[in-house]
Amino acid sequence: MRFDGKLDKWNDERGFGFITPLKGGEPVFVHISAFEGGARPQVGEALTFEVEPAGDGKKRAVHVQRPGARRPAPPLRTREPRRASAPRRRSSLVPAVMAAMLIGGGGYGVMQFTRSRAPAAPQTDTAPTQPARVTSPAYRCDGRTHCSQMTSCAEATFFLRNCPGTQMDGDGDGIPCERQWCQ
């Protein structure tokens, strides 16, 4: 939406000023880059402008024009005669196949690496009806109780089995953080 206003203040050295809207309201900041046409504005000059929010929560004027000034017409497009072009070189499939092999091999390597580093399931001698309490050197009960505080399914499972007051098994099936970690 365009507004009408008058340039109230202008600092030519720094290239900014303020436009006071004709229909009232507080002055709106304007930078020299917002003026279409490039000519320096004069204090008291009538202007039309659009408003958008600035980064500091205030408003700034954009697309500032002088009333009655015409926008330059877009350049006309003319068709240039087609020239005979050199035949296109067909790209070889070798680089694409090599890239696919490298990406696939890298993905496989990452999967193997993470599998080798995953903690093994602990062995317990307790009855199957009660969750086993396991000590693990990698995890310890430190007061975390929610899934958003966990970093893996194994960590959430350890906390659910060993730490009191956890709130990670909403449906009571013994599998913690089903929506985030243990899917």
Protein backbone atom coordinates (compact mmCIF):
# COMPACT_ATOMS: atom_id res chain seq x y z
CA MET A 1 0.00 0.00 0.00
CA ARG A 2 1.43 3.38 -0.99
CA PHE A 3 1.42 6.35 1.34
CA ASP A 4 1.84 10.06 0.66
CA GLY A 5 4.24 12.07 2.74
CA LYS A 6 6.75 14.91 2.96
CA LEU A 7 10.50 14.60 3.53
CA ASP A 8 10.87 16.18 6.95
CA LYS A 9 14.58 15.63 7.74
CA TRP A 10 17.54 14.58 5.59
CA ASN A 11 21.22 13.93 6.36
CA ASP A 12 22.96 14.05 2.98
CA GLU A 13 26.33 12.94 4.37
CA ARG A 14 24.91 9.74 5.81
CA GLY A 15 22.22 9.20 3.16
CA PHE A 16 19.11 8.88 5.29
CA GLY A 17 16.21 10.89 6.64
CA PHE A 18 12.58 10.78 7.78
CA ILE A 19 9.29 11.09 5.90
CA THR A 20 6.24 12.40 7.75
CA PRO A 21 3.03 10.78 6.42
CA LEU A 22 0.40 13.29 5.28
CA LYS A 23 -2.39 11.38 7.04
CA GLY A 24 -0.56 11.55 10.38
CA GLY A 25 1.53 9.14 12.34
CA GLU A 26 5.15 9.06 13.39
CA PRO A 27 7.90 9.80 10.89
CA VAL A 28 9.18 6.86 8.85
CA PHE A 29 12.91 6.21 8.32
CA VAL A 30 14.12 6.35 4.70
CA HIS A 31 17.52 5.44 3.23
CA ILE A 32 18.90 6.80 -0.05
CA SER A 33 18.76 3.29 -1.54
CA ALA A 34 14.93 3.36 -1.27
CA PHE A 35 14.64 6.20 -3.82
CA GLU A 36 13.85 5.11 -7.34
CA GLY A 37 15.54 7.21 -9.96
CA GLY A 38 18.66 8.03 -7.95
CA ALA A 39 18.29 11.82 -7.50
CA ARG A 40 18.94 13.19 -4.01
CA PRO A 41 15.78 14.25 -2.16
CA GLN A 42 15.16 17.76 -0.83
CA VAL A 43 13.65 18.57 2.59
CA GLY A 44 9.97 19.49 2.18
CA GLU A 45 9.64 17.46 -1.04
CA ALA A 46 6.39 15.50 -1.54
CA LEU A 47 6.94 11.75 -1.84
CA THR A 48 4.99 8.51 -2.16
CA PHE A 49 6.31 5.36 -0.51
CA GLU A 50 5.59 1.89 0.78
CA VAL A 51 6.36 0.75 4.33
CA GLU A 52 8.02 -2.44 5.58
CA PRO A 53 9.31 -3.40 9.01
CA ALA A 54 12.97 -2.68 9.72
CA GLY A 55 15.19 -5.01 11.73
CA ASP A 56 14.87 -2.93 14.90
CA GLY A 57 11.06 -3.27 15.11
CA LYS A 58 10.37 0.14 13.59
CA LYS A 59 9.15 0.96 10.09
CA ARG A 60 11.13 2.06 7.05
CA ALA A 61 10.10 3.51 3.72
CA VAL A 62 10.81 1.53 0.54
CA HIS A 63 10.10 2.10 -3.16
CA VAL A 64 10.07 5.88 -2.64
CA GLN A 65 8.90 7.97 -5.64
CA ARG A 66 8.21 11.55 -6.40
CA PRO A 67 4.52 12.13 -7.29
CA GLY A 68 4.03 12.49 -11.03
CA ALA A 69 7.35 10.84 -11.82
CA ARG A 70 6.88 8.08 -14.32
CA ARG A 71 8.50 4.76 -13.88
CA PRO A 72 10.78 3.87 -16.75
CA ALA A 73 9.20 1.45 -19.17
CA PRO A 74 10.76 -2.00 -19.26
CA PRO A 75 13.03 -2.56 -22.25
CA LEU A 76 11.39 -4.11 -25.28
CA ARG A 77 12.52 -7.59 -26.09
CA THR A 78 13.49 -8.19 -29.62
CA ARG A 79 14.22 -11.51 -31.13
CA GLU A 80 17.71 -12.03 -32.29
CA PRO A 81 18.15 -14.30 -35.26
CA ARG A 82 19.26 -17.77 -34.26
CA ARG A 83 22.80 -18.54 -34.98
CA ALA A 84 24.08 -21.93 -35.91
CA SER A 85 25.60 -23.24 -32.74
CA ALA A 86 28.29 -25.78 -32.27
CA PRO A 87 27.01 -29.26 -31.54
CA ARG A 88 26.58 -29.93 -27.84
CA ARG A 89 29.08 -32.15 -26.17
CA ARG A 90 27.51 -35.03 -24.39
CA SER A 91 28.69 -35.49 -20.88
CA SER A 92 30.15 -38.79 -19.91
CA LEU A 93 28.42 -40.97 -17.36
CA VAL A 94 31.72 -41.86 -15.74
CA PRO A 95 31.84 -38.85 -13.37
CA ALA A 96 28.24 -39.41 -12.28
CA VAL A 97 28.82 -43.12 -11.64
CA MET A 98 32.03 -42.37 -9.72
CA ALA A 99 30.23 -39.80 -7.56
CA ALA A 100 27.41 -42.25 -6.80
CA MET A 101 29.94 -44.94 -5.84
CA LEU A 102 31.81 -42.56 -3.54
CA ILE A 103 28.63 -41.39 -1.83
CA GLY A 104 27.31 -44.93 -1.44
CA GLY A 105 30.62 -46.22 -0.11
CA GLY A 106 30.86 -43.34 2.34
CA GLY A 107 27.35 -44.00 3.61
CA TYR A 108 28.12 -47.69 4.07
CA GLY A 109 31.30 -46.81 5.97
CA VAL A 110 29.43 -44.48 8.31
CA MET A 111 26.82 -47.17 9.01
CA GLN A 112 29.51 -49.73 9.82
CA PHE A 113 31.33 -47.25 12.05
CA THR A 114 28.22 -46.37 14.05
CA ARG A 115 27.28 -50.04 14.44
CA SER A 116 30.70 -50.86 15.82
CA ARG A 117 30.46 -48.02 18.33
CA ALA A 118 26.90 -48.76 19.55
CA PRO A 119 26.80 -50.13 23.11
CA ALA A 120 25.90 -53.82 23.34
CA ALA A 121 22.67 -54.82 25.03
CA PRO A 122 23.36 -55.53 28.72
CA GLN A 123 22.97 -59.06 30.09
CA THR A 124 20.79 -59.30 33.21
CA ASP A 125 19.61 -62.09 35.52
CA THR A 126 16.29 -60.57 36.64
CA ALA A 127 12.77 -61.76 36.01
CA PRO A 128 11.33 -60.73 32.62
CA THR A 129 8.29 -59.03 34.20
CA GLN A 130 10.37 -56.30 35.80
CA PRO A 131 12.68 -53.97 33.87
CA ALA A 132 16.30 -54.77 34.53
CA ARG A 133 18.53 -52.30 36.34
CA VAL A 134 21.86 -52.08 34.61
CA THR A 135 24.98 -50.17 35.38
CA SER A 136 26.72 -48.69 32.39
CA PRO A 137 29.95 -46.75 32.33
CA ALA A 138 28.60 -44.64 29.46
CA TYR A 139 25.46 -43.35 31.25
CA ARG A 140 24.54 -42.33 34.78
CA CYS A 141 21.39 -40.95 36.41
CA ASP A 142 21.90 -37.21 36.48
CA GLY A 143 18.38 -35.86 36.86
CA ARG A 144 17.29 -35.86 33.22
CA THR A 145 13.72 -37.19 32.87
CA HIS A 146 12.41 -36.23 29.41
CA CYS A 147 13.07 -37.47 25.86
CA SER A 148 14.17 -34.02 24.73
CA GLN A 149 17.13 -34.31 27.09
CA MET A 150 18.36 -37.61 25.62
CA THR A 151 20.81 -38.10 22.74
CA SER A 152 20.03 -41.70 21.68
CA CYS A 153 17.62 -44.60 22.11
CA ALA A 154 20.21 -46.51 24.17
CA GLU A 155 20.56 -43.58 26.57
CA ALA A 156 16.78 -43.19 26.93
CA THR A 157 16.42 -46.96 27.56
CA PHE A 158 19.11 -46.83 30.26
CA PHE A 159 17.40 -43.89 31.98
CA LEU A 160 13.97 -45.56 31.83
CA ARG A 161 15.28 -48.80 33.38
CA ASN A 162 17.65 -47.35 35.96
CA CYS A 163 16.66 -43.84 36.98
CA PRO A 164 13.62 -42.98 39.11
CA GLY A 165 11.09 -40.38 38.03
CA THR A 166 11.64 -40.57 34.26
CA GLN A 167 8.76 -39.53 32.01
CA MET A 168 9.79 -41.13 28.74
CA ASP A 169 7.33 -44.03 28.31
CA GLY A 170 3.92 -42.44 27.75
CA ASP A 171 2.14 -45.63 26.67
CA GLY A 172 3.78 -47.93 29.26
CA ASP A 173 5.11 -50.48 26.78
CA GLY A 174 8.70 -50.34 28.05
CA ILE A 175 10.03 -48.55 24.96
CA PRO A 176 11.06 -44.95 25.71
CA CYS A 177 10.94 -41.94 23.40
CA GLU A 178 9.16 -43.72 20.56
CA ARG A 179 8.51 -40.54 18.64
CA GLN A 180 12.04 -39.15 18.93
CA TRP A 181 14.67 -41.85 19.43
CA CYS A 182 13.35 -45.44 19.57
CA GLN A 183 11.23 -45.70 16.45
